[in-house]
Amino acid sequence: MAGHLGSRITDVDITVRAENGTSSRTAHATVRDGYFAAWCPEGPDEASSNITTVTLRLTDGSTVSNLSARQLYEHPKLD
């Protein structure tokens, strides 16, 4: 997962939860020059059944939690 960040965002955590809630894992993204990137492998059977959320840490120390990664997804724009 990768994306562009606003200037007030300092850290990004991506949490992948099993749909049934039995397990979860969190990847701390690399943040640099206004972008973030993180890699968390999923098996073929997990890709459509996991729930992925994003937590943002802001420059003032506050956080924005449980953002749906699916709703934040931007489709590529073609010129």
Protein backbone atom coordinates (compact mmCIF):
# COMPACT_ATOMS: atom_id res chain seq x y z
CA MET A 1 0.00 0.00 0.00
CA ALA A 2 1.32 3.44 -0.85
CA GLY A 3 -0.02 6.95 -1.13
CA HIS A 4 0.38 10.68 -0.85
CA LEU A 5 0.12 12.38 2.57
CA GLY A 6 -0.88 15.79 3.78
CA SER A 7 1.80 17.96 5.37
CA ARG A 8 0.46 17.41 8.92
CA ILE A 9 0.83 13.60 8.83
CA THR A 10 3.99 12.17 10.39
CA ASP A 11 3.28 8.42 10.69
CA VAL A 12 0.98 5.83 9.12
CA ASP A 13 0.02 2.42 10.53
CA ILE A 14 -1.91 -0.10 8.43
CA THR A 15 -3.86 -2.76 10.34
CA VAL A 16 -5.12 -5.87 8.57
CA ARG A 17 -7.86 -7.76 10.45
CA ALA A 18 -9.44 -11.06 9.57
CA GLU A 19 -13.08 -10.52 8.68
CA ASN A 20 -14.15 -12.73 11.59
CA GLY A 21 -12.01 -10.66 13.99
CA THR A 22 -9.87 -13.57 15.16
CA SER A 23 -6.53 -12.03 14.24
CA SER A 24 -4.85 -8.83 13.16
CA ARG A 25 -1.43 -7.50 12.25
CA THR A 26 -0.12 -3.95 11.90
CA ALA A 27 2.50 -2.65 9.50
CA HIS A 28 4.21 0.66 10.26
CA ALA A 29 4.62 2.48 6.95
CA THR A 30 7.75 4.22 5.75
CA VAL A 31 6.99 7.95 5.47
CA ARG A 32 9.13 10.25 3.36
CA ASP A 33 8.73 13.42 1.28
CA GLY A 34 4.93 13.48 1.56
CA TYR A 35 4.38 9.81 0.67
CA PHE A 36 3.99 6.55 2.58
CA ALA A 37 4.62 2.93 1.64
CA ALA A 38 4.04 -0.34 3.50
CA TRP A 39 4.07 -4.00 2.56
CA CYS A 40 2.05 -6.66 4.36
CA PRO A 41 1.69 -9.91 2.42
CA GLU A 42 -1.71 -11.61 2.14
CA GLY A 43 -2.57 -15.02 0.83
CA PRO A 44 -4.98 -15.35 -2.10
CA ASP A 45 -7.84 -16.32 0.21
CA GLU A 46 -7.21 -13.32 2.49
CA ALA A 47 -7.23 -10.53 -0.09
CA SER A 48 -11.01 -10.40 -0.40
CA SER A 49 -11.90 -11.24 3.20
CA ASN A 50 -9.61 -9.02 5.30
CA ILE A 51 -10.58 -5.61 6.64
CA THR A 52 -7.77 -3.06 6.33
CA THR A 53 -7.73 0.19 8.29
CA VAL A 54 -5.29 3.07 8.46
CA THR A 55 -4.24 5.14 11.50
CA LEU A 56 -2.61 8.52 10.89
CA ARG A 57 -0.44 10.36 13.41
CA LEU A 58 -0.43 14.14 13.09
CA THR A 59 2.24 16.74 13.85
CA ASP A 60 0.33 17.88 16.98
CA GLY A 61 0.53 14.34 18.44
CA SER A 62 -3.12 13.44 17.81
CA THR A 63 -4.26 10.45 15.77
CA VAL A 64 -6.99 9.71 13.27
CA SER A 65 -7.90 6.02 13.65
CA ASN A 66 -9.83 3.30 11.87
CA LEU A 67 -9.98 4.89 8.43
CA SER A 68 -11.15 2.33 5.89
CA ALA A 69 -8.31 1.70 3.44
CA ARG A 70 -10.85 0.70 0.79
CA GLN A 71 -12.61 4.08 1.04
CA LEU A 72 -9.31 5.99 0.82
CA TYR A 73 -8.24 4.21 -2.37
CA GLU A 74 -7.71 6.49 -5.37
CA HIS A 75 -8.08 5.05 -8.83
CA PRO A 76 -5.29 5.94 -11.23
CA LYS A 77 -6.03 9.01 -13.33
CA LEU A 78 -5.27 8.91 -17.01
CA ASP A 79 -4.61 12.07 -19.00
